[in-house]
Amino acid sequence: MTYVRAAALSELEEDTPKRVEIDGTPISLVRTEGEVFAINDICSHANVSLSEGEVEDCSIECWLHGSSFDLRTGKPSGLPATRPVPVYPVKIEGDDVLVSVTQES
């Protein structure tokens, strides 16, 4: 896996998503419950930015129709979304948040 610096840990506010782009992939970084998560920033239902939504209980809610996605798995927890969104591995090195968007072969 190849990890790329996505942001500084100090830039991430608790429960406030931050949109970044890595190799053309839009990602929402979320610092919550003592961890940092990276989830694809595009809702699988309505093609809108998840980073504009609310974070609660390790989930991110799409602001448009209210679907929530688990930050650990990307699975939706309610309608109207039925398809998960990709999640990406995260490593913290010092103040750097590193994310891998590459797939292992």
PDB file of N, CA and C in Angstrom:
ATOM      1  N   MET A   1       0.838  -1.181   0.000  1.00  0.00           N
ATOM      2  CA  MET A   1       0.000   0.000   0.000  1.00  0.00           C
ATOM      3  C   MET A   1       0.880   1.240   0.000  1.00  0.00           C
ATOM      4  N   THR A   2       0.455   2.212  -0.765  1.00  0.00           N
ATOM      5  CA  THR A   2       1.156   3.486  -0.807  1.00  0.00           C
ATOM      6  C   THR A   2       0.337   4.519  -0.052  1.00  0.00           C
ATOM      7  N   TYR A   3       0.959   5.145   0.934  1.00  0.00           N
ATOM      8  CA  TYR A   3       0.292   6.179   1.723  1.00  0.00           C
ATOM      9  C   TYR A   3       0.749   7.556   1.256  1.00  0.00           C
ATOM     10  N   VAL A   4      -0.203   8.496   1.234  1.00  0.00           N
ATOM     11  CA  VAL A   4       0.046   9.867   0.806  1.00  0.00           C
ATOM     12  C   VAL A   4      -0.408  10.793   1.930  1.00  0.00           C
ATOM     13  N   ARG A   5       0.354  11.844   2.159  1.00  0.00           N
ATOM     14  CA  ARG A   5      -0.045  12.821   3.178  1.00  0.00           C
ATOM     15  C   ARG A   5      -1.324  13.519   2.718  1.00  0.00           C
ATOM     16  N   ALA A   6      -2.332  13.482   3.574  1.00  0.00           N
ATOM     17  CA  ALA A   6      -3.624  14.083   3.234  1.00  0.00           C
ATOM     18  C   ALA A   6      -3.839  15.412   3.953  1.00  0.00           C
ATOM     19  N   ALA A   7      -3.307  15.523   5.170  1.00  0.00           N
ATOM     20  CA  ALA A   7      -3.501  16.742   5.964  1.00  0.00           C
ATOM     21  C   ALA A   7      -2.633  16.641   7.206  1.00  0.00           C
ATOM     22  N   ALA A   8      -2.587  17.735   7.943  1.00  0.00           N
ATOM     23  CA  ALA A   8      -1.957  17.726   9.257  1.00  0.00           C
ATOM     24  C   ALA A   8      -3.021  17.348  10.286  1.00  0.00           C
ATOM     25  N   LEU A   9      -2.660  16.527  11.240  1.00  0.00           N
ATOM     26  CA  LEU A   9      -3.593  16.130  12.287  1.00  0.00           C
ATOM     27  C   LEU A   9      -4.135  17.367  13.006  1.00  0.00           C
ATOM     28  N   SER A  10      -3.287  18.352  13.186  1.00  0.00           N
ATOM     29  CA  SER A  10      -3.691  19.579  13.878  1.00  0.00           C
ATOM     30  C   SER A  10      -4.733  20.387  13.093  1.00  0.00           C
ATOM     31  N   GLU A  11      -4.902  20.095  11.808  1.00  0.00           N
ATOM     32  CA  GLU A  11      -5.918  20.781  10.987  1.00  0.00           C
ATOM     33  C   GLU A  11      -7.308  20.188  11.177  1.00  0.00           C
ATOM     34  N   LEU A  12      -7.388  18.989  11.739  1.00  0.00           N
ATOM     35  CA  LEU A  12      -8.671  18.295  11.850  1.00  0.00           C
ATOM     36  C   LEU A  12      -9.345  18.609  13.178  1.00  0.00           C
ATOM     37  N   GLU A  13     -10.521  19.199  13.107  1.00  0.00           N
ATOM     38  CA  GLU A  13     -11.305  19.474  14.308  1.00  0.00           C
ATOM     39  C   GLU A  13     -12.176  18.259  14.611  1.00  0.00           C
ATOM     40  N   GLU A  14     -12.373  17.984  15.868  1.00  0.00           N
ATOM     41  CA  GLU A  14     -13.189  16.850  16.298  1.00  0.00           C
ATOM     42  C   GLU A  14     -14.589  16.945  15.691  1.00  0.00           C
ATOM     43  N   ASP A  15     -15.039  15.844  15.085  1.00  0.00           N
ATOM     44  CA  ASP A  15     -16.387  15.713  14.517  1.00  0.00           C
ATOM     45  C   ASP A  15     -16.703  16.714  13.410  1.00  0.00           C
ATOM     46  N   THR A  16     -15.664  17.254  12.753  1.00  0.00           N
ATOM     47  CA  THR A  16     -15.860  18.179  11.648  1.00  0.00           C
ATOM     48  C   THR A  16     -15.143  17.629  10.418  1.00  0.00           C
ATOM     49  N   PRO A  17     -15.888  17.148   9.422  1.00  0.00           N
ATOM     50  CA  PRO A  17     -15.250  16.577   8.223  1.00  0.00           C
ATOM     51  C   PRO A  17     -14.416  17.604   7.464  1.00  0.00           C
ATOM     52  N   LYS A  18     -13.322  17.129   6.875  1.00  0.00           N
ATOM     53  CA  LYS A  18     -12.467  17.973   6.039  1.00  0.00           C
ATOM     54  C   LYS A  18     -12.311  17.284   4.690  1.00  0.00           C
ATOM     55  N   ARG A  19     -12.666  17.980   3.630  1.00  0.00           N
ATOM     56  CA  ARG A  19     -12.540  17.433   2.281  1.00  0.00           C
ATOM     57  C   ARG A  19     -11.110  17.626   1.778  1.00  0.00           C
ATOM     58  N   VAL A  20     -10.534  16.543   1.254  1.00  0.00           N
ATOM     59  CA  VAL A  20      -9.226  16.580   0.606  1.00  0.00           C
ATOM     60  C   VAL A  20      -9.338  15.769  -0.680  1.00  0.00           C
ATOM     61  N   GLU A  21      -8.329  15.889  -1.525  1.00  0.00           N
ATOM     62  CA  GLU A  21      -8.304  15.086  -2.747  1.00  0.00           C
ATOM     63  C   GLU A  21      -6.940  14.417  -2.842  1.00  0.00           C
ATOM     64  N   ILE A  22      -6.951  13.122  -3.094  1.00  0.00           N
ATOM     65  CA  ILE A  22      -5.711  12.360  -3.254  1.00  0.00           C
ATOM     66  C   ILE A  22      -5.780  11.632  -4.584  1.00  0.00           C
ATOM     67  N   ASP A  23      -4.840  11.927  -5.457  1.00  0.00           N
ATOM     68  CA  ASP A  23      -4.781  11.298  -6.779  1.00  0.00           C
ATOM     69  C   ASP A  23      -6.130  11.332  -7.488  1.00  0.00           C
ATOM     70  N   GLY A  24      -6.827  12.456  -7.388  1.00  0.00           N
ATOM     71  CA  GLY A  24      -8.113  12.616  -8.057  1.00  0.00           C
ATOM     72  C   GLY A  24      -9.301  12.028  -7.321  1.00  0.00           C
ATOM     73  N   THR A  25      -9.061  11.431  -6.148  1.00  0.00           N
ATOM     74  CA  THR A  25     -10.135  10.831  -5.363  1.00  0.00           C
ATOM     75  C   THR A  25     -10.569  11.787  -4.260  1.00  0.00           C
ATOM     76  N   PRO A  26     -11.846  12.202  -4.243  1.00  0.00           N
ATOM     77  CA  PRO A  26     -12.320  13.072  -3.169  1.00  0.00           C
ATOM     78  C   PRO A  26     -12.524  12.268  -1.885  1.00  0.00           C
ATOM     79  N   ILE A  27     -11.962  12.771  -0.800  1.00  0.00           N
ATOM     80  CA  ILE A  27     -11.996  12.052   0.471  1.00  0.00           C
ATOM     81  C   ILE A  27     -12.441  13.003   1.570  1.00  0.00           C
ATOM     82  N   SER A  28     -13.224  12.474   2.484  1.00  0.00           N
ATOM     83  CA  SER A  28     -13.598  13.205   3.685  1.00  0.00           C
ATOM     84  C   SER A  28     -12.804  12.623   4.843  1.00  0.00           C
ATOM     85  N   LEU A  29     -11.983  13.452   5.481  1.00  0.00           N
ATOM     86  CA  LEU A  29     -11.241  13.045   6.670  1.00  0.00           C
ATOM     87  C   LEU A  29     -12.057  13.443   7.888  1.00  0.00           C
ATOM     88  N   VAL A  30     -12.182  12.515   8.831  1.00  0.00           N
ATOM     89  CA  VAL A  30     -12.966  12.795  10.031  1.00  0.00           C
ATOM     90  C   VAL A  30     -12.190  12.336  11.260  1.00  0.00           C
ATOM     91  N   ARG A  31     -12.028  13.262  12.195  1.00  0.00           N
ATOM     92  CA  ARG A  31     -11.405  12.950  13.487  1.00  0.00           C
ATOM     93  C   ARG A  31     -12.533  12.841  14.499  1.00  0.00           C
ATOM     94  N   THR A  32     -12.710  11.624  15.022  1.00  0.00           N
ATOM     95  CA  THR A  32     -13.789  11.400  15.987  1.00  0.00           C
ATOM     96  C   THR A  32     -13.448  10.198  16.856  1.00  0.00           C
ATOM     97  N   GLU A  33     -13.927  10.215  18.077  1.00  0.00           N
ATOM     98  CA  GLU A  33     -13.757   9.099  19.007  1.00  0.00           C
ATOM     99  C   GLU A  33     -12.302   8.641  19.112  1.00  0.00           C
ATOM    100  N   GLY A  34     -11.366   9.590  19.055  1.00  0.00           N
ATOM    101  CA  GLY A  34      -9.957   9.280  19.226  1.00  0.00           C
ATOM    102  C   GLY A  34      -9.265   8.682  18.009  1.00  0.00           C
ATOM    103  N   GLU A  35      -9.942   8.642  16.875  1.00  0.00           N
ATOM    104  CA  GLU A  35      -9.370   8.088  15.646  1.00  0.00           C
ATOM    105  C   GLU A  35      -9.579   9.051  14.482  1.00  0.00           C
ATOM    106  N   VAL A  36      -8.867   8.765  13.391  1.00  0.00           N
ATOM    107  CA  VAL A  36      -9.074   9.515  12.152  1.00  0.00           C
ATOM    108  C   VAL A  36      -9.519   8.527  11.084  1.00  0.00           C
ATOM    109  N   PHE A  37     -10.564   8.872  10.375  1.00  0.00           N
ATOM    110  CA  PHE A  37     -11.129   8.024   9.333  1.00  0.00           C
ATOM    111  C   PHE A  37     -11.058   8.738   7.992  1.00  0.00           C
ATOM    112  N   ALA A  38     -10.932   7.950   6.931  1.00  0.00           N
ATOM    113  CA  ALA A  38     -10.958   8.474   5.567  1.00  0.00           C
ATOM    114  C   ALA A  38     -12.031   7.710   4.803  1.00  0.00           C
ATOM    115  N   ILE A  39     -13.007   8.438   4.296  1.00  0.00           N
ATOM    116  CA  ILE A  39     -14.128   7.837   3.574  1.00  0.00           C
ATOM    117  C   ILE A  39     -14.301   8.616   2.273  1.00  0.00           C
ATOM    118  N   ASN A  40     -14.712   7.921   1.229  1.00  0.00           N
ATOM    119  CA  ASN A  40     -14.948   8.613  -0.038  1.00  0.00           C
ATOM    120  C   ASN A  40     -15.942   9.733   0.209  1.00  0.00           C
ATOM    121  N   ASP A  41     -15.682  10.893  -0.350  1.00  0.00           N
ATOM    122  CA  ASP A  41     -16.481  12.074  -0.049  1.00  0.00           C
ATOM    123  C   ASP A  41     -17.785  12.155  -0.835  1.00  0.00           C
ATOM    124  N   ILE A  42     -18.055  11.205  -1.705  1.00  0.00           N
ATOM    125  CA  ILE A  42     -19.257  11.287  -2.542  1.00  0.00           C
ATOM    126  C   ILE A  42     -20.308  10.274  -2.078  1.00  0.00           C
ATOM    127  N   CYS A  43     -21.479  10.774  -1.738  1.00  0.00           N
ATOM    128  CA  CYS A  43     -22.584   9.922  -1.299  1.00  0.00           C
ATOM    129  C   CYS A  43     -22.961   8.956  -2.419  1.00  0.00           C
ATOM    130  N   SER A  44     -23.157   7.699  -2.068  1.00  0.00           N
ATOM    131  CA  SER A  44     -23.503   6.684  -3.067  1.00  0.00           C
ATOM    132  C   SER A  44     -24.936   6.821  -3.570  1.00  0.00           C
ATOM    133  N   HIS A  45     -25.731   7.629  -2.901  1.00  0.00           N
ATOM    134  CA  HIS A  45     -27.116   7.799  -3.321  1.00  0.00           C
ATOM    135  C   HIS A  45     -27.305   9.022  -4.220  1.00  0.00           C
ATOM    136  N   ALA A  46     -26.720  10.162  -3.829  1.00  0.00           N
ATOM    137  CA  ALA A  46     -27.072  11.395  -4.520  1.00  0.00           C
ATOM    138  C   ALA A  46     -25.899  12.152  -5.132  1.00  0.00           C
ATOM    139  N   ASN A  47     -24.704  11.576  -5.075  1.00  0.00           N
ATOM    140  CA  ASN A  47     -23.540  12.197  -5.707  1.00  0.00           C
ATOM    141  C   ASN A  47     -23.259  13.610  -5.177  1.00  0.00           C
ATOM    142  N   VAL A  48     -23.370  13.782  -3.850  1.00  0.00           N
ATOM    143  CA  VAL A  48     -23.035  15.055  -3.214  1.00  0.00           C
ATOM    144  C   VAL A  48     -21.938  14.826  -2.179  1.00  0.00           C
ATOM    145  N   SER A  49     -21.316  15.893  -1.742  1.00  0.00           N
ATOM    146  CA  SER A  49     -20.181  15.829  -0.820  1.00  0.00           C
ATOM    147  C   SER A  49     -20.614  15.472   0.601  1.00  0.00           C
ATOM    148  N   LEU A  50     -20.060  14.369   1.109  1.00  0.00           N
ATOM    149  CA  LEU A  50     -20.355  13.967   2.485  1.00  0.00           C
ATOM    150  C   LEU A  50     -19.681  14.888   3.500  1.00  0.00           C
ATOM    151  N   SER A  51     -18.598  15.539   3.100  1.00  0.00           N
ATOM    152  CA  SER A  51     -17.879  16.396   4.048  1.00  0.00           C
ATOM    153  C   SER A  51     -18.696  17.615   4.465  1.00  0.00           C
ATOM    154  N   GLU A  52     -19.816  17.844   3.813  1.00  0.00           N
ATOM    155  CA  GLU A  52     -20.701  18.936   4.207  1.00  0.00           C
ATOM    156  C   GLU A  52     -21.748  18.470   5.213  1.00  0.00           C
ATOM    157  N   GLY A  53     -21.690  17.177   5.582  1.00  0.00           N
ATOM    158  CA  GLY A  53     -22.665  16.616   6.510  1.00  0.00           C
ATOM    159  C   GLY A  53     -22.201  16.647   7.951  1.00  0.00           C
ATOM    160  N   GLU A  54     -23.011  16.059   8.808  1.00  0.00           N
ATOM    161  CA  GLU A  54     -22.763  16.019  10.246  1.00  0.00           C
ATOM    162  C   GLU A  54     -22.146  14.675  10.637  1.00  0.00           C
ATOM    163  N   VAL A  55     -21.317  14.710  11.680  1.00  0.00           N
ATOM    164  CA  VAL A  55     -20.697  13.494  12.218  1.00  0.00           C
ATOM    165  C   VAL A  55     -21.276  13.220  13.601  1.00  0.00           C
ATOM    166  N   GLU A  56     -21.692  11.957  13.816  1.00  0.00           N
ATOM    167  CA  GLU A  56     -22.211  11.546  15.117  1.00  0.00           C
ATOM    168  C   GLU A  56     -22.109  10.035  15.235  1.00  0.00           C
ATOM    169  N   ASP A  57     -21.668   9.561  16.395  1.00  0.00           N
ATOM    170  CA  ASP A  57     -21.586   8.120  16.676  1.00  0.00           C
ATOM    171  C   ASP A  57     -20.820   7.360  15.598  1.00  0.00           C
ATOM    172  N   CYS A  58     -19.681   7.883  15.196  1.00  0.00           N
ATOM    173  CA  CYS A  58     -18.798   7.248  14.205  1.00  0.00           C
ATOM    174  C   CYS A  58     -19.480   7.058  12.850  1.00  0.00           C
ATOM    175  N   SER A  59     -20.407   7.961  12.528  1.00  0.00           N
ATOM    176  CA  SER A  59     -21.086   7.963  11.235  1.00  0.00           C
ATOM    177  C   SER A  59     -21.063   9.378  10.677  1.00  0.00           C
ATOM    178  N   ILE A  60     -21.177   9.453   9.352  1.00  0.00           N
ATOM    179  CA  ILE A  60     -21.298  10.746   8.691  1.00  0.00           C
ATOM    180  C   ILE A  60     -22.621  10.755   7.940  1.00  0.00           C
ATOM    181  N   GLU A  61     -23.369  11.832   8.097  1.00  0.00           N
ATOM    182  CA  GLU A  61     -24.694  11.935   7.483  1.00  0.00           C
ATOM    183  C   GLU A  61     -24.633  12.824   6.256  1.00  0.00           C
ATOM    184  N   CYS A  62     -25.218  12.355   5.164  1.00  0.00           N
ATOM    185  CA  CYS A  62     -25.326  13.156   3.953  1.00  0.00           C
ATOM    186  C   CYS A  62     -26.325  14.284   4.211  1.00  0.00           C
ATOM    187  N   TRP A  63     -25.912  15.496   3.904  1.00  0.00           N
ATOM    188  CA  TRP A  63     -26.745  16.658   4.185  1.00  0.00           C
ATOM    189  C   TRP A  63     -27.986  16.737   3.305  1.00  0.00           C
ATOM    190  N   LEU A  64     -27.971  16.074   2.142  1.00  0.00           N
ATOM    191  CA  LEU A  64     -29.078  16.247   1.199  1.00  0.00           C
ATOM    192  C   LEU A  64     -30.310  15.414   1.546  1.00  0.00           C
ATOM    193  N   HIS A  65     -30.127  14.116   1.765  1.00  0.00           N
ATOM    194  CA  HIS A  65     -31.280  13.242   2.027  1.00  0.00           C
ATOM    195  C   HIS A  65     -31.202  12.501   3.353  1.00  0.00           C
ATOM    196  N   GLY A  66     -30.120  12.706   4.118  1.00  0.00           N
ATOM    197  CA  GLY A  66     -30.061  12.142   5.463  1.00  0.00           C
ATOM    198  C   GLY A  66     -29.511  10.739   5.601  1.00  0.00           C
ATOM    199  N   SER A  67     -28.988  10.142   4.539  1.00  0.00           N
ATOM    200  CA  SER A  67     -28.374   8.821   4.688  1.00  0.00           C
ATOM    201  C   SER A  67     -27.116   8.952   5.533  1.00  0.00           C
ATOM    202  N   SER A  68     -26.891   7.988   6.418  1.00  0.00           N
ATOM    203  CA  SER A  68     -25.692   7.975   7.242  1.00  0.00           C
ATOM    204  C   SER A  68     -24.818   6.799   6.840  1.00  0.00           C
ATOM    205  N   PHE A  69     -23.495   7.014   6.899  1.00  0.00           N
ATOM    206  CA  PHE A  69     -22.528   5.983   6.533  1.00  0.00           C
ATOM    207  C   PHE A  69     -21.570   5.763   7.696  1.00  0.00           C
ATOM    208  N   ASP A  70     -21.319   4.500   8.030  1.00  0.00           N
ATOM    209  CA  ASP A  70     -20.377   4.143   9.078  1.00  0.00           C
ATOM    210  C   ASP A  70     -18.972   4.532   8.627  1.00  0.00           C
ATOM    211  N   LEU A  71     -18.258   5.300   9.417  1.00  0.00           N
ATOM    212  CA  LEU A  71     -16.918   5.747   9.048  1.00  0.00           C
ATOM    213  C   LEU A  71     -15.908   4.598   9.002  1.00  0.00           C
ATOM    214  N   ARG A  72     -16.184   3.511   9.712  1.00  0.00           N
ATOM    215  CA  ARG A  72     -15.267   2.360   9.735  1.00  0.00           C
ATOM    216  C   ARG A  72     -15.436   1.459   8.522  1.00  0.00           C
ATOM    217  N   THR A  73     -16.676   1.326   8.039  1.00  0.00           N
ATOM    218  CA  THR A  73     -16.964   0.349   6.976  1.00  0.00           C
ATOM    219  C   THR A  73     -17.492   0.969   5.687  1.00  0.00           C
ATOM    220  N   GLY A  74     -18.042   2.174   5.776  1.00  0.00           N
ATOM    221  CA  GLY A  74     -18.665   2.817   4.616  1.00  0.00           C
ATOM    222  C   GLY A  74     -20.083   2.360   4.361  1.00  0.00           C
ATOM    223  N   LYS A  75     -20.586   1.434   5.173  1.00  0.00           N
ATOM    224  CA  LYS A  75     -21.944   0.912   4.952  1.00  0.00           C
ATOM    225  C   LYS A  75     -22.998   1.930   5.381  1.00  0.00           C
ATOM    226  N   PRO A  76     -24.069   2.041   4.574  1.00  0.00           N
ATOM    227  CA  PRO A  76     -25.152   2.947   4.950  1.00  0.00           C
ATOM    228  C   PRO A  76     -25.962   2.348   6.094  1.00  0.00           C
ATOM    229  N   SER A  77     -26.467   3.202   6.967  1.00  0.00           N
ATOM    230  CA  SER A  77     -27.269   2.703   8.089  1.00  0.00           C
ATOM    231  C   SER A  77     -28.748   3.003   7.906  1.00  0.00           C
ATOM    232  N   GLY A  78     -29.099   3.559   6.761  1.00  0.00           N
ATOM    233  CA  GLY A  78     -30.509   3.834   6.517  1.00  0.00           C
ATOM    234  C   GLY A  78     -30.726   4.379   5.123  1.00  0.00           C
ATOM    235  N   LEU A  79     -31.968   4.318   4.703  1.00  0.00           N
ATOM    236  CA  LEU A  79     -32.350   4.799   3.382  1.00  0.00           C
ATOM    237  C   LEU A  79     -32.239   6.311   3.325  1.00  0.00           C
ATOM    238  N   PRO A  80     -32.105   6.887   2.143  1.00  0.00           N
ATOM    239  CA  PRO A  80     -32.292   6.261   0.850  1.00  0.00           C
ATOM    240  C   PRO A  80     -31.055   5.548   0.294  1.00  0.00           C
ATOM    241  N   ALA A  81     -29.885   5.722   0.873  1.00  0.00           N
ATOM    242  CA  ALA A  81     -28.697   5.041   0.347  1.00  0.00           C
ATOM    243  C   ALA A  81     -28.766   3.548   0.636  1.00  0.00           C
ATOM    244  N   THR A  82     -28.371   2.748  -0.353  1.00  0.00           N
ATOM    245  CA  THR A  82     -28.333   1.292  -0.172  1.00  0.00           C
ATOM    246  C   THR A  82     -26.953   0.730  -0.457  1.00  0.00           C
ATOM    247  N   ARG A  83     -26.083   1.521  -1.098  1.00  0.00           N
ATOM    248  CA  ARG A  83     -24.729   1.062  -1.429  1.00  0.00           C
ATOM    249  C   ARG A  83     -23.708   1.730  -0.517  1.00  0.00           C
ATOM    250  N   PRO A  84     -22.700   0.981  -0.087  1.00  0.00           N
ATOM    251  CA  PRO A  84     -21.651   1.585   0.741  1.00  0.00           C
ATOM    252  C   PRO A  84     -20.762   2.519  -0.074  1.00  0.00           C
ATOM    253  N   VAL A  85     -20.004   3.336   0.624  1.00  0.00           N
ATOM    254  CA  VAL A  85     -18.979   4.164  -0.014  1.00  0.00           C
ATOM    255  C   VAL A  85     -17.623   3.628   0.447  1.00  0.00           C
ATOM    256  N   PRO A  86     -16.599   3.742  -0.391  1.00  0.00           N
ATOM    257  CA  PRO A  86     -15.285   3.221  -0.015  1.00  0.00           C
ATOM    258  C   PRO A  86     -14.690   3.938   1.202  1.00  0.00           C
ATOM    259  N   VAL A  87     -13.996   3.164   2.025  1.00  0.00           N
ATOM    260  CA  VAL A  87     -13.197   3.719   3.120  1.00  0.00           C
ATOM    261  C   VAL A  87     -11.743   3.380   2.838  1.00  0.00           C
ATOM    262  N   TYR A  88     -10.841   4.163   3.395  1.00  0.00           N
ATOM    263  CA  TYR A  88      -9.420   4.026   3.084  1.00  0.00           C
ATOM    264  C   TYR A  88      -8.597   3.918   4.365  1.00  0.00           C
ATOM    265  N   PRO A  89      -7.509   3.132   4.317  1.00  0.00           N
ATOM    266  CA  PRO A  89      -6.635   3.007   5.488  1.00  0.00           C
ATOM    267  C   PRO A  89      -5.960   4.340   5.820  1.00  0.00           C
ATOM    268  N   VAL A  90      -5.809   4.583   7.115  1.00  0.00           N
ATOM    269  CA  VAL A  90      -5.193   5.816   7.612  1.00  0.00           C
ATOM    270  C   VAL A  90      -4.054   5.459   8.560  1.00  0.00           C
ATOM    271  N   LYS A  91      -2.946   6.205   8.451  1.00  0.00           N
ATOM    272  CA  LYS A  91      -1.835   6.115   9.401  1.00  0.00           C
ATOM    273  C   LYS A  91      -1.522   7.527   9.871  1.00  0.00           C
ATOM    274  N   ILE A  92      -1.134   7.628  11.132  1.00  0.00           N
ATOM    275  CA  ILE A  92      -0.700   8.908  11.684  1.00  0.00           C
ATOM    276  C   ILE A  92       0.794   8.807  11.966  1.00  0.00           C
ATOM    277  N   GLU A  93       1.551   9.743  11.414  1.00  0.00           N
ATOM    278  CA  GLU A  93       2.986   9.812  11.671  1.00  0.00           C
ATOM    279  C   GLU A  93       3.303  11.244  12.110  1.00  0.00           C
ATOM    280  N   GLY A  94       3.548  11.402  13.406  1.00  0.00           N
ATOM    281  CA  GLY A  94       3.746  12.751  13.939  1.00  0.00           C
ATOM    282  C   GLY A  94       2.463  13.542  13.789  1.00  0.00           C
ATOM    283  N   ASP A  95       2.526  14.661  13.058  1.00  0.00           N
ATOM    284  CA  ASP A  95       1.337  15.481  12.809  1.00  0.00           C
ATOM    285  C   ASP A  95       0.760  15.225  11.416  1.00  0.00           C
ATOM    286  N   ASP A  96       1.297  14.229  10.704  1.00  0.00           N
ATOM    287  CA  ASP A  96       0.832  13.937   9.347  1.00  0.00           C
ATOM    288  C   ASP A  96      -0.236  12.846   9.342  1.00  0.00           C
ATOM    289  N   VAL A  97      -1.335  13.114   8.638  1.00  0.00           N
ATOM    290  CA  VAL A  97      -2.373  12.110   8.394  1.00  0.00           C
ATOM    291  C   VAL A  97      -2.093  11.540   7.013  1.00  0.00           C
ATOM    292  N   LEU A  98      -1.798  10.254   6.960  1.00  0.00           N
ATOM    293  CA  LEU A  98      -1.487   9.582   5.701  1.00  0.00           C
ATOM    294  C   LEU A  98      -2.635   8.657   5.333  1.00  0.00           C
ATOM    295  N   VAL A  99      -3.002   8.667   4.051  1.00  0.00           N
ATOM    296  CA  VAL A  99      -4.122   7.857   3.556  1.00  0.00           C
ATOM    297  C   VAL A  99      -3.670   7.081   2.340  1.00  0.00           C
ATOM    298  N   SER A 100      -4.134   5.840   2.235  1.00  0.00           N
ATOM    299  CA  SER A 100      -3.852   5.027   1.059  1.00  0.00           C
ATOM    300  C   SER A 100      -5.126   4.841   0.248  1.00  0.00           C
ATOM    301  N   VAL A 101      -5.090   5.274  -1.007  1.00  0.00           N
ATOM    302  CA  VAL A 101      -6.249   5.069  -1.881  1.00  0.00           C
ATOM    303  C   VAL A 101      -5.958   3.982  -2.913  1.00  0.00           C
ATOM    304  N   THR A 102      -4.781   3.358  -2.814  1.00  0.00           N
ATOM    305  CA  THR A 102      -4.421   2.297  -3.754  1.00  0.00           C
ATOM    306  C   THR A 102      -4.963   0.972  -3.282  1.00  0.00           C
ATOM    307  N   GLN A 103      -5.285   0.108  -4.215  1.00  0.00           N
ATOM    308  CA  GLN A 103      -5.765  -1.233  -3.900  1.00  0.00           C
ATOM    309  C   GLN A 103      -4.598  -2.203  -3.919  1.00  0.00           C
ATOM    310  N   GLU A 104      -4.572  -3.119  -2.956  1.00  0.00           N
ATOM    311  CA  GLU A 104      -3.542  -4.139  -2.964  1.00  0.00           C
ATOM    312  C   GLU A 104      -3.838  -5.142  -4.069  1.00  0.00           C
ATOM    313  N   SER A 105      -2.776  -5.635  -4.727  1.00  0.00           N
ATOM    314  CA  SER A 105      -2.990  -6.621  -5.788  1.00  0.00           C
ATOM    315  C   SER A 105      -2.790  -7.999  -5.248  1.00  0.00           C
TER     316      SER A 105
END
